[in-house]
C-alpha atoms as a PDB file:
ATOM      1  CA  MET A   1     -28.964  36.129 -27.962  1.00  0.00           C
ATOM      2  CA  ASN A   2     -32.267  34.567 -27.008  1.00  0.00           C
ATOM      3  CA  PRO A   3     -32.854  33.055 -23.543  1.00  0.00           C
ATOM      4  CA  HIS A   4     -32.407  29.478 -24.811  1.00  0.00           C
ATOM      5  CA  GLN A   5     -29.011  30.260 -26.375  1.00  0.00           C
ATOM      6  CA  PHE A   6     -27.974  32.040 -23.188  1.00  0.00           C
ATOM      7  CA  LEU A   7     -28.840  28.997 -21.026  1.00  0.00           C
ATOM      8  CA  VAL A   8     -26.965  26.667 -23.376  1.00  0.00           C
ATOM      9  CA  ALA A   9     -23.879  28.915 -23.233  1.00  0.00           C
ATOM     10  CA  VAL A  10     -23.999  29.174 -19.419  1.00  0.00           C
ATOM     11  CA  SER A  11     -24.430  25.395 -19.109  1.00  0.00           C
ATOM     12  CA  ALA A  12     -21.434  24.778 -21.355  1.00  0.00           C
ATOM     13  CA  VAL A  13     -19.271  27.123 -19.282  1.00  0.00           C
ATOM     14  CA  LEU A  14     -20.366  25.419 -16.053  1.00  0.00           C
ATOM     15  CA  ILE A  15     -19.601  21.945 -17.432  1.00  0.00           C
ATOM     16  CA  VAL A  16     -16.126  22.961 -18.606  1.00  0.00           C
ATOM     17  CA  SER A  17     -15.484  24.805 -15.347  1.00  0.00           C
ATOM     18  CA  THR A  18     -16.538  21.789 -13.282  1.00  0.00           C
ATOM     19  CA  ALA A  19     -14.342  19.428 -15.321  1.00  0.00           C
ATOM     20  CA  ALA A  20     -11.352  21.732 -15.012  1.00  0.00           C
ATOM     21  CA  HIS A  21     -11.753  22.049 -11.242  1.00  0.00           C
ATOM     22  CA  ALA A  22     -12.568  18.435 -10.446  1.00  0.00           C
ATOM     23  CA  GLU A  23     -10.669  16.873  -7.588  1.00  0.00           C
ATOM     24  CA  PRO A  24      -7.620  14.916  -8.707  1.00  0.00           C
ATOM     25  CA  PRO A  25      -7.914  11.128  -8.403  1.00  0.00           C
ATOM     26  CA  LYS A  26      -6.972   9.537  -5.083  1.00  0.00           C
ATOM     27  CA  ALA A  27      -3.697   7.649  -5.358  1.00  0.00           C
ATOM     28  CA  ALA A  28      -2.191   5.026  -3.086  1.00  0.00           C
ATOM     29  CA  VAL A  29       1.562   5.426  -3.549  1.00  0.00           C
ATOM     30  CA  PHE A  30       3.299   2.383  -2.131  1.00  0.00           C
ATOM     31  CA  ASP A  31       6.882   2.426  -0.886  1.00  0.00           C
ATOM     32  CA  PHE A  32       9.643   1.980  -3.423  1.00  0.00           C
ATOM     33  CA  GLN A  33      11.165  -1.480  -3.530  1.00  0.00           C
ATOM     34  CA  LEU A  34      14.537  -2.684  -4.767  1.00  0.00           C
ATOM     35  CA  ALA A  35      14.882  -4.824  -7.861  1.00  0.00           C
ATOM     36  CA  ASN A  36      18.568  -5.635  -7.781  1.00  0.00           C
ATOM     37  CA  LEU A  37      19.849  -6.664 -11.198  1.00  0.00           C
ATOM     38  CA  GLY A  38      23.535  -6.210 -10.567  1.00  0.00           C
ATOM     39  CA  ALA A  39      26.205  -8.426  -9.139  1.00  0.00           C
ATOM     40  CA  GLN A  40      26.166  -6.448  -5.886  1.00  0.00           C
ATOM     41  CA  THR A  41      23.499  -7.057  -3.280  1.00  0.00           C
ATOM     42  CA  PRO A  42      21.594  -4.036  -1.944  1.00  0.00           C
ATOM     43  CA  THR A  43      23.327  -2.237   0.894  1.00  0.00           C
ATOM     44  CA  ASP A  44      21.843  -0.796   4.071  1.00  0.00           C
ATOM     45  CA  GLU A  45      22.261   2.616   2.419  1.00  0.00           C
ATOM     46  CA  ASP A  46      20.165   1.408  -0.559  1.00  0.00           C
ATOM     47  CA  GLN A  47      17.409   0.245   1.796  1.00  0.00           C
ATOM     48  CA  ALA A  48      17.531   3.463   3.843  1.00  0.00           C
ATOM     49  CA  ARG A  49      17.045   5.572   0.715  1.00  0.00           C
ATOM     50  CA  LEU A  50      13.666   3.985  -0.183  1.00  0.00           C
ATOM     51  CA  GLY A  51      11.539   5.717   2.474  1.00  0.00           C
ATOM     52  CA  PRO A  52      12.684   9.290   1.785  1.00  0.00           C
ATOM     53  CA  LEU A  53      12.498   8.642  -1.958  1.00  0.00           C
ATOM     54  CA  THR A  54       8.891   7.449  -1.617  1.00  0.00           C
ATOM     55  CA  ASP A  55       8.057  10.535   0.443  1.00  0.00           C
ATOM     56  CA  LEU A  56       9.541  12.722  -2.285  1.00  0.00           C
ATOM     57  CA  LEU A  57       7.506  10.948  -4.974  1.00  0.00           C
ATOM     58  CA  ARG A  58       4.307  11.437  -2.969  1.00  0.00           C
ATOM     59  CA  GLN A  59       5.116  15.103  -2.421  1.00  0.00           C
ATOM     60  CA  GLN A  60       5.917  15.709  -6.097  1.00  0.00           C
ATOM     61  CA  LEU A  61       2.741  13.963  -7.292  1.00  0.00           C
ATOM     62  CA  GLN A  62       0.585  15.876  -4.786  1.00  0.00           C
ATOM     63  CA  GLU A  63       2.162  19.251  -5.588  1.00  0.00           C
ATOM     64  CA  SER A  64       1.860  18.641  -9.333  1.00  0.00           C
ATOM     65  CA  GLY A  65      -1.919  18.383  -8.969  1.00  0.00           C
ATOM     66  CA  ARG A  66      -1.987  14.947 -10.581  1.00  0.00           C
ATOM     67  CA  TYR A  67      -3.211  13.071  -7.519  1.00  0.00           C
ATOM     68  CA  GLN A  68      -4.600  13.405  -4.049  1.00  0.00           C
ATOM     69  CA  ILE A  69      -2.328  11.084  -2.050  1.00  0.00           C
ATOM     70  CA  VAL A  70      -3.981   8.689   0.405  1.00  0.00           C
ATOM     71  CA  SER A  71      -2.094   7.127   3.284  1.00  0.00           C
ATOM     72  CA  THR A  72      -1.030   3.507   2.865  1.00  0.00           C
ATOM     73  CA  ASP A  73      -0.540   2.998   6.609  1.00  0.00           C
ATOM     74  CA  ALA A  74      -3.752   0.950   6.978  1.00  0.00           C
ATOM     75  CA  VAL A  75      -2.366  -1.801   4.718  1.00  0.00           C
ATOM     76  CA  ARG A  76       1.339  -1.489   5.566  1.00  0.00           C
ATOM     77  CA  ALA A  77       1.510  -4.848   7.415  1.00  0.00           C
ATOM     78  CA  GLU A  78      -0.188  -6.651   4.512  1.00  0.00           C
ATOM     79  CA  VAL A  79       2.101  -4.986   1.992  1.00  0.00           C
ATOM     80  CA  GLU A  80       5.183  -6.057   3.949  1.00  0.00           C
ATOM     81  CA  LYS A  81       3.963  -9.691   3.880  1.00  0.00           C
ATOM     82  CA  SER A  82       3.707  -9.502   0.077  1.00  0.00           C
ATOM     83  CA  SER A  83       7.404  -8.629  -0.174  1.00  0.00           C
ATOM     84  CA  ASP A  84       7.339  -7.769  -3.916  1.00  0.00           C
ATOM     85  CA  LEU A  85       4.446  -5.664  -5.209  1.00  0.00           C
ATOM     86  CA  ARG A  86       5.620  -6.167  -8.794  1.00  0.00           C
ATOM     87  CA  LYS A  87       5.269  -9.959  -8.622  1.00  0.00           C
ATOM     88  CA  CYS A  88       2.222 -10.550  -6.429  1.00  0.00           C
ATOM     89  CA  GLY A  89      -0.475 -10.878  -9.075  1.00  0.00           C
ATOM     90  CA  GLY A  90      -2.197  -7.537  -8.601  1.00  0.00           C
ATOM     91  CA  CYS A  91      -2.018  -7.277  -4.820  1.00  0.00           C
ATOM     92  CA  ALA A  92      -1.066  -3.575  -5.021  1.00  0.00           C
ATOM     93  CA  GLU A  93      -4.346  -2.926  -6.816  1.00  0.00           C
ATOM     94  CA  ASP A  94      -6.243  -4.843  -4.122  1.00  0.00           C
ATOM     95  CA  PHE A  95      -4.500  -2.851  -1.391  1.00  0.00           C
ATOM     96  CA  ALA A  96      -5.313   0.418  -3.178  1.00  0.00           C
ATOM     97  CA  ARG A  97      -8.981  -0.561  -3.456  1.00  0.00           C
ATOM     98  CA  LYS A  98      -9.053  -1.242   0.302  1.00  0.00           C
ATOM     99  CA  LEU A  99      -7.818   2.322   0.762  1.00  0.00           C
ATOM    100  CA  LYS A 100     -10.602   3.651  -1.528  1.00  0.00           C
ATOM    101  CA  ALA A 101      -7.976   4.907  -3.987  1.00  0.00           C
ATOM    102  CA  ASP A 102      -8.644   5.464  -7.678  1.00  0.00           C
ATOM    103  CA  VAL A 103      -5.055   4.729  -8.661  1.00  0.00           C
ATOM    104  CA  ALA A 104      -2.365   2.303  -7.449  1.00  0.00           C
ATOM    105  CA  ILE A 105       1.223   3.508  -7.800  1.00  0.00           C
ATOM    106  CA  THR A 106       4.205   1.272  -7.190  1.00  0.00           C
ATOM    107  CA  GLY A 107       7.869   1.944  -7.734  1.00  0.00           C
ATOM    108  CA  GLU A 108      11.113   0.088  -7.904  1.00  0.00           C
ATOM    109  CA  ILE A 109      14.766   0.909  -8.068  1.00  0.00           C
ATOM    110  CA  GLN A 110      16.863  -1.185 -10.408  1.00  0.00           C
ATOM    111  CA  LYS A 111      20.492  -1.166  -9.403  1.00  0.00           C
ATOM    112  CA  VAL A 112      22.609  -2.368 -12.283  1.00  0.00           C
ATOM    113  CA  SER A 113      25.756  -1.036 -10.602  1.00  0.00           C
ATOM    114  CA  ASN A 114      26.792   1.853  -8.376  1.00  0.00           C
ATOM    115  CA  LEU A 115      26.904   3.991 -11.500  1.00  0.00           C
ATOM    116  CA  ILE A 116      23.849   2.805 -13.457  1.00  0.00           C
ATOM    117  CA  LEU A 117      20.456   2.853 -11.742  1.00  0.00           C
ATOM    118  CA  ASN A 118      16.843   3.165 -12.883  1.00  0.00           C
ATOM    119  CA  ILE A 119      13.836   4.609 -11.096  1.00  0.00           C
ATOM    120  CA  ASN A 120      10.624   2.981 -12.318  1.00  0.00           C
ATOM    121  CA  VAL A 121       7.102   4.073 -11.396  1.00  0.00           C
ATOM    122  CA  TYR A 122       4.021   2.071 -12.374  1.00  0.00           C
ATOM    123  CA  VAL A 123       0.548   3.644 -12.410  1.00  0.00           C
ATOM    124  CA  LYS A 124      -2.640   1.579 -12.564  1.00  0.00           C
ATOM    125  CA  ASP A 125      -5.946   3.459 -12.991  1.00  0.00           C
ATOM    126  CA  LEU A 126      -8.408   1.319 -11.065  1.00  0.00           C
ATOM    127  CA  LYS A 127     -11.556   3.142 -12.169  1.00  0.00           C
ATOM    128  CA  ALA A 128     -10.820   3.019 -15.893  1.00  0.00           C
ATOM    129  CA  ASP A 129      -9.273  -0.466 -15.578  1.00  0.00           C
ATOM    130  CA  THR A 130      -6.794   0.454 -18.293  1.00  0.00           C
ATOM    131  CA  PRO A 131      -3.418  -1.272 -18.645  1.00  0.00           C
ATOM    132  CA  GLU A 132      -0.767  -0.229 -16.175  1.00  0.00           C
ATOM    133  CA  GLN A 133       1.445   2.634 -17.367  1.00  0.00           C
ATOM    134  CA  ALA A 134       5.183   2.548 -16.713  1.00  0.00           C
ATOM    135  CA  TYR A 135       7.440   5.578 -16.350  1.00  0.00           C
ATOM    136  CA  SER A 136      11.188   5.349 -15.992  1.00  0.00           C
ATOM    137  CA  VAL A 137      14.278   7.481 -15.656  1.00  0.00           C
ATOM    138  CA  ASP A 138      17.899   6.380 -15.677  1.00  0.00           C
ATOM    139  CA  ILE A 139      20.247   8.000 -13.214  1.00  0.00           C
ATOM    140  CA  ARG A 140      23.983   7.970 -12.844  1.00  0.00           C
ATOM    141  CA  GLY A 141      25.451   7.828  -9.375  1.00  0.00           C
ATOM    142  CA  ASN A 142      24.271   5.929  -6.321  1.00  0.00           C
ATOM    143  CA  ASN A 143      23.690   8.942  -4.065  1.00  0.00           C
ATOM    144  CA  ASP A 144      20.777  10.895  -2.609  1.00  0.00           C
ATOM    145  CA  THR A 145      21.214  13.840  -4.963  1.00  0.00           C
ATOM    146  CA  SER A 146      20.956  11.647  -8.068  1.00  0.00           C
ATOM    147  CA  PHE A 147      17.852   9.904  -6.752  1.00  0.00           C
ATOM    148  CA  ASP A 148      16.138  13.160  -5.740  1.00  0.00           C
ATOM    149  CA  ARG A 149      16.833  14.712  -9.138  1.00  0.00           C
ATOM    150  CA  GLY A 150      15.670  11.537 -10.848  1.00  0.00           C
ATOM    151  CA  VAL A 151      12.279  11.483  -9.094  1.00  0.00           C
ATOM    152  CA  LYS A 152      11.716  15.177  -9.742  1.00  0.00           C
ATOM    153  CA  TYR A 153      12.607  14.765 -13.413  1.00  0.00           C
ATOM    154  CA  LEU A 154      10.373  11.704 -13.745  1.00  0.00           C
ATOM    155  CA  VAL A 155       7.322  13.483 -12.347  1.00  0.00           C
ATOM    156  CA  LYS A 156       7.911  16.734 -14.213  1.00  0.00           C
ATOM    157  CA  ASN A 157       8.955  15.403 -17.619  1.00  0.00           C
ATOM    158  CA  ASN A 158       7.955  11.762 -18.053  1.00  0.00           C
ATOM    159  CA  MET A 159       4.534  11.456 -16.442  1.00  0.00           C
ATOM    160  CA  PRO A 160       1.444  12.918 -18.110  1.00  0.00           C
ATOM    161  CA  PRO A 161       0.197  16.295 -16.876  1.00  0.00           C
ATOM    162  CA  PRO A 162      -2.695  16.561 -14.426  1.00  0.00           C
ATOM    163  CA  ALA A 163      -6.104  15.954 -16.005  1.00  0.00           C
ATOM    164  CA  THR A 164      -7.055  19.610 -15.515  1.00  0.00           C
ATOM    165  CA  GLU A 165      -4.145  20.685 -17.728  1.00  0.00           C
ATOM    166  CA  ALA A 166      -5.253  18.282 -20.447  1.00  0.00           C
ATOM    167  CA  VAL A 167      -8.717  19.873 -20.679  1.00  0.00           C
ATOM    168  CA  SER A 168      -7.743  23.502 -20.143  1.00  0.00           C
ATOM    169  CA  PRO A 169      -8.192  25.783 -23.162  1.00  0.00           C
ATOM    170  CA  GLN A 170      -5.187  26.807 -25.262  1.00  0.00           C
ATOM    171  CA  LYS A 171      -3.925  30.350 -24.761  1.00  0.00           C
END
């Protein structure tokens, strides 16, 4: 191998290594909201579940290596004024940009009944400006265990793998 070929090979390894070890994108994960579609109105228990469920989503996304989670505390008051991040004309994206995030993530719980519920997570890549991606899982049972399992399943099985997994070589 001549010196030129050696330098080309080393450069290629460094480029692949850098891409595989790049920091995950910064994500602003906003609190879950309720989208009640059923005949029953949300209960206090439904409302109380949203905070811990959001914390679990943040934890799962961080631990999966998909995202580096940024705090949304700096825009919390503005978010609360918006009331519905799914119907505010892109305000979640604006809030995420204020937080210097690369990605805006919103979520909603659709309660069809006490038996049929959906967990929906929406991911908008702000840097690529690609269309928002939606991920959903249906759960059965209006209880903490069902919701926890649903979020874990959604992150593990429905959302795409971290970018580093997508570029890693096949074994």
